[in-house]
């Protein structure tokens, strides 16, 4: 008797759970819950993740013409 899980077993469990999730919209796997959680956090944190988008620079510090 094996006391460890092989990569094939993990892959089979993952695929079988995803097949069931595709057939049954009420069935959620850890993987699908993780995706939903990550997407929710990403949407919630979007403004905080891009603080440079909201910076306001005074006119005198902005480049003029070909000053790049």
N, C-alpha and C. Protein backbone atom coordinates (compact mmCIF):
# COMPACT_ATOMS: atom_id res chain seq x y z
N UNK A 1 0.84 -1.19 0.00
CA UNK A 1 0.00 0.00 0.00
C UNK A 1 0.88 1.24 0.00
N UNK A 2 0.56 2.17 -0.90
CA UNK A 2 1.35 3.39 -1.00
C UNK A 2 0.82 4.43 -0.03
N UNK A 3 1.74 5.15 0.60
CA UNK A 3 1.37 6.17 1.57
C UNK A 3 1.53 7.58 1.01
N UNK A 4 1.79 7.68 -0.27
CA UNK A 4 1.94 8.99 -0.89
C UNK A 4 1.06 9.06 -2.12
N UNK A 5 0.82 10.24 -2.58
CA UNK A 5 -0.02 10.45 -3.75
C UNK A 5 0.88 10.75 -4.94
N UNK A 6 0.67 10.01 -6.01
CA UNK A 6 1.48 10.24 -7.20
C UNK A 6 0.94 11.44 -7.98
N UNK A 7 1.76 11.94 -8.88
CA UNK A 7 1.34 13.06 -9.72
C UNK A 7 0.14 12.68 -10.59
N UNK A 8 0.09 11.43 -11.02
CA UNK A 8 -1.02 10.98 -11.85
C UNK A 8 -2.33 11.02 -11.06
N UNK A 9 -2.28 10.63 -9.78
CA UNK A 9 -3.48 10.66 -8.94
C UNK A 9 -3.98 12.09 -8.76
N UNK A 10 -3.05 13.00 -8.53
CA UNK A 10 -3.43 14.40 -8.35
C UNK A 10 -4.04 14.94 -9.63
N UNK A 11 -3.43 14.63 -10.77
CA UNK A 11 -3.95 15.10 -12.05
C UNK A 11 -5.33 14.51 -12.32
N UNK A 12 -5.51 13.22 -12.00
CA UNK A 12 -6.81 12.58 -12.21
C UNK A 12 -7.87 13.24 -11.33
N UNK A 13 -7.56 13.48 -10.06
CA UNK A 13 -8.51 14.12 -9.15
C UNK A 13 -8.89 15.51 -9.67
N UNK A 14 -7.89 16.24 -10.12
CA UNK A 14 -8.13 17.59 -10.62
C UNK A 14 -9.05 17.55 -11.84
N UNK A 15 -8.74 16.70 -12.80
CA UNK A 15 -9.53 16.62 -14.03
C UNK A 15 -10.94 16.14 -13.73
N UNK A 16 -11.09 15.13 -12.88
CA UNK A 16 -12.42 14.62 -12.58
C UNK A 16 -13.26 15.66 -11.86
N UNK A 17 -12.64 16.44 -10.98
CA UNK A 17 -13.38 17.51 -10.30
C UNK A 17 -13.78 18.60 -11.28
N UNK A 18 -12.91 18.93 -12.21
CA UNK A 18 -13.24 19.97 -13.18
C UNK A 18 -14.34 19.50 -14.14
N UNK A 19 -14.34 18.22 -14.49
CA UNK A 19 -15.42 17.69 -15.33
C UNK A 19 -16.74 17.79 -14.58
N UNK A 20 -16.73 17.39 -13.31
CA UNK A 20 -17.96 17.49 -12.52
C UNK A 20 -18.41 18.94 -12.38
N UNK A 21 -17.46 19.85 -12.18
CA UNK A 21 -17.80 21.27 -12.05
C UNK A 21 -18.40 21.80 -13.35
N UNK A 22 -17.92 21.32 -14.49
CA UNK A 22 -18.46 21.76 -15.78
C UNK A 22 -19.89 21.26 -15.97
N UNK A 23 -20.18 20.07 -15.45
CA UNK A 23 -21.51 19.49 -15.61
C UNK A 23 -22.50 20.04 -14.59
N UNK A 24 -22.02 20.38 -13.40
CA UNK A 24 -22.89 20.82 -12.31
C UNK A 24 -22.47 22.20 -11.84
N UNK A 25 -23.22 23.25 -12.19
CA UNK A 25 -22.82 24.60 -11.82
C UNK A 25 -22.76 24.85 -10.32
N UNK A 26 -23.46 24.03 -9.53
CA UNK A 26 -23.45 24.20 -8.08
C UNK A 26 -22.21 23.61 -7.43
N UNK A 27 -21.51 22.75 -8.16
CA UNK A 27 -20.34 22.07 -7.60
C UNK A 27 -19.12 22.98 -7.73
N UNK A 28 -18.47 23.24 -6.62
CA UNK A 28 -17.27 24.07 -6.64
C UNK A 28 -16.10 23.28 -6.09
N UNK A 29 -15.00 23.34 -6.79
CA UNK A 29 -13.78 22.70 -6.31
C UNK A 29 -12.94 23.74 -5.60
N UNK A 30 -11.93 23.28 -4.91
CA UNK A 30 -10.99 24.20 -4.29
C UNK A 30 -10.37 25.09 -5.36
N UNK A 31 -10.09 24.50 -6.52
CA UNK A 31 -9.48 25.25 -7.62
C UNK A 31 -10.40 26.38 -8.10
N UNK A 32 -11.68 26.07 -8.32
CA UNK A 32 -12.60 27.11 -8.80
C UNK A 32 -12.84 28.16 -7.74
N UNK A 33 -12.90 27.76 -6.48
CA UNK A 33 -13.06 28.75 -5.40
C UNK A 33 -11.84 29.66 -5.35
N UNK A 34 -10.66 29.09 -5.55
CA UNK A 34 -9.43 29.87 -5.53
C UNK A 34 -9.43 30.88 -6.68
N UNK A 35 -9.87 30.48 -7.86
CA UNK A 35 -9.94 31.38 -9.00
C UNK A 35 -10.90 32.53 -8.69
N UNK A 36 -12.08 32.21 -8.16
CA UNK A 36 -13.06 33.24 -7.84
C UNK A 36 -12.51 34.20 -6.79
N UNK A 37 -11.84 33.66 -5.79
CA UNK A 37 -11.26 34.50 -4.74
C UNK A 37 -10.18 35.41 -5.31
N UNK A 38 -9.31 34.85 -6.14
CA UNK A 38 -8.24 35.66 -6.74
C UNK A 38 -8.80 36.77 -7.63
N UNK A 39 -9.82 36.44 -8.42
CA UNK A 39 -10.42 37.45 -9.29
C UNK A 39 -11.09 38.55 -8.47
N UNK A 40 -11.74 38.16 -7.39
CA UNK A 40 -12.38 39.15 -6.53
C UNK A 40 -11.37 40.07 -5.87
N UNK A 41 -10.29 39.49 -5.37
CA UNK A 41 -9.25 40.30 -4.73
C UNK A 41 -8.60 41.21 -5.76
N UNK A 42 -8.34 40.68 -6.96
CA UNK A 42 -7.71 41.48 -8.01
C UNK A 42 -8.60 42.68 -8.38
N UNK A 43 -9.90 42.45 -8.50
CA UNK A 43 -10.81 43.55 -8.84
C UNK A 43 -10.89 44.56 -7.69
N UNK A 44 -10.92 44.06 -6.47
CA UNK A 44 -11.04 44.93 -5.30
C UNK A 44 -9.78 45.78 -5.11
N UNK A 45 -8.61 45.18 -5.40
CA UNK A 45 -7.35 45.86 -5.18
C UNK A 45 -6.85 46.62 -6.41
N UNK A 46 -7.60 46.64 -7.49
CA UNK A 46 -7.11 47.23 -8.74
C UNK A 46 -6.66 48.67 -8.56
N UNK A 47 -7.44 49.46 -7.85
CA UNK A 47 -7.06 50.87 -7.67
C UNK A 47 -5.80 51.00 -6.82
N UNK A 48 -5.67 50.16 -5.81
CA UNK A 48 -4.49 50.22 -4.94
C UNK A 48 -3.25 49.67 -5.64
N UNK A 49 -3.45 48.75 -6.59
CA UNK A 49 -2.31 48.16 -7.30
C UNK A 49 -1.73 49.11 -8.34
N UNK A 50 -2.49 50.10 -8.75
CA UNK A 50 -2.04 51.02 -9.80
C UNK A 50 -2.07 52.46 -9.28
N UNK A 51 -1.35 52.76 -8.21
CA UNK A 51 -1.44 54.12 -7.65
C UNK A 51 -0.92 55.19 -8.61
N UNK A 52 -0.01 54.83 -9.50
CA UNK A 52 0.53 55.83 -10.43
C UNK A 52 -0.52 56.33 -11.41
N UNK A 53 -1.61 55.59 -11.57
CA UNK A 53 -2.67 56.03 -12.48
C UNK A 53 -3.37 57.28 -11.95
N UNK A 54 -3.31 57.51 -10.65
CA UNK A 54 -4.05 58.63 -10.05
C UNK A 54 -3.15 59.80 -9.66
N UNK A 55 -1.88 59.75 -10.02
CA UNK A 55 -0.98 60.83 -9.66
C UNK A 55 -1.25 62.06 -10.53
N UNK A 56 -1.18 63.21 -9.91
CA UNK A 56 -1.37 64.48 -10.62
C UNK A 56 -0.05 65.24 -10.54
N UNK A 57 0.53 65.52 -11.71
CA UNK A 57 1.81 66.23 -11.76
C UNK A 57 1.59 67.69 -12.11
N UNK A 58 2.34 68.59 -11.47
CA UNK A 58 2.25 69.99 -11.88
C UNK A 58 2.82 70.18 -13.28
N UNK A 59 2.32 71.14 -13.98
CA UNK A 59 2.71 71.38 -15.37
C UNK A 59 4.21 71.55 -15.54
N UNK A 60 4.88 72.19 -14.57
CA UNK A 60 6.31 72.48 -14.73
C UNK A 60 7.21 71.25 -14.67
N UNK A 61 6.72 70.13 -14.18
CA UNK A 61 7.57 68.93 -14.13
C UNK A 61 7.32 67.99 -15.31
N UNK A 62 6.33 68.28 -16.13
CA UNK A 62 6.04 67.42 -17.27
C UNK A 62 7.00 67.73 -18.41
N UNK A 63 7.40 66.71 -19.19
CA UNK A 63 8.32 66.96 -20.31
C UNK A 63 7.63 67.77 -21.40
N UNK A 64 8.42 68.57 -22.09
CA UNK A 64 7.90 69.39 -23.19
C UNK A 64 8.59 68.98 -24.48
N UNK A 65 7.85 68.95 -25.55
CA UNK A 65 8.44 68.67 -26.86
C UNK A 65 9.09 67.31 -26.92
N UNK A 66 10.38 67.30 -27.28
CA UNK A 66 11.10 66.05 -27.47
C UNK A 66 12.04 65.79 -26.29
N UNK A 67 11.59 66.09 -25.09
CA UNK A 67 12.44 66.01 -23.90
C UNK A 67 12.45 64.63 -23.26
N UNK A 68 12.04 63.62 -23.99
CA UNK A 68 12.05 62.27 -23.42
C UNK A 68 13.44 61.75 -23.49
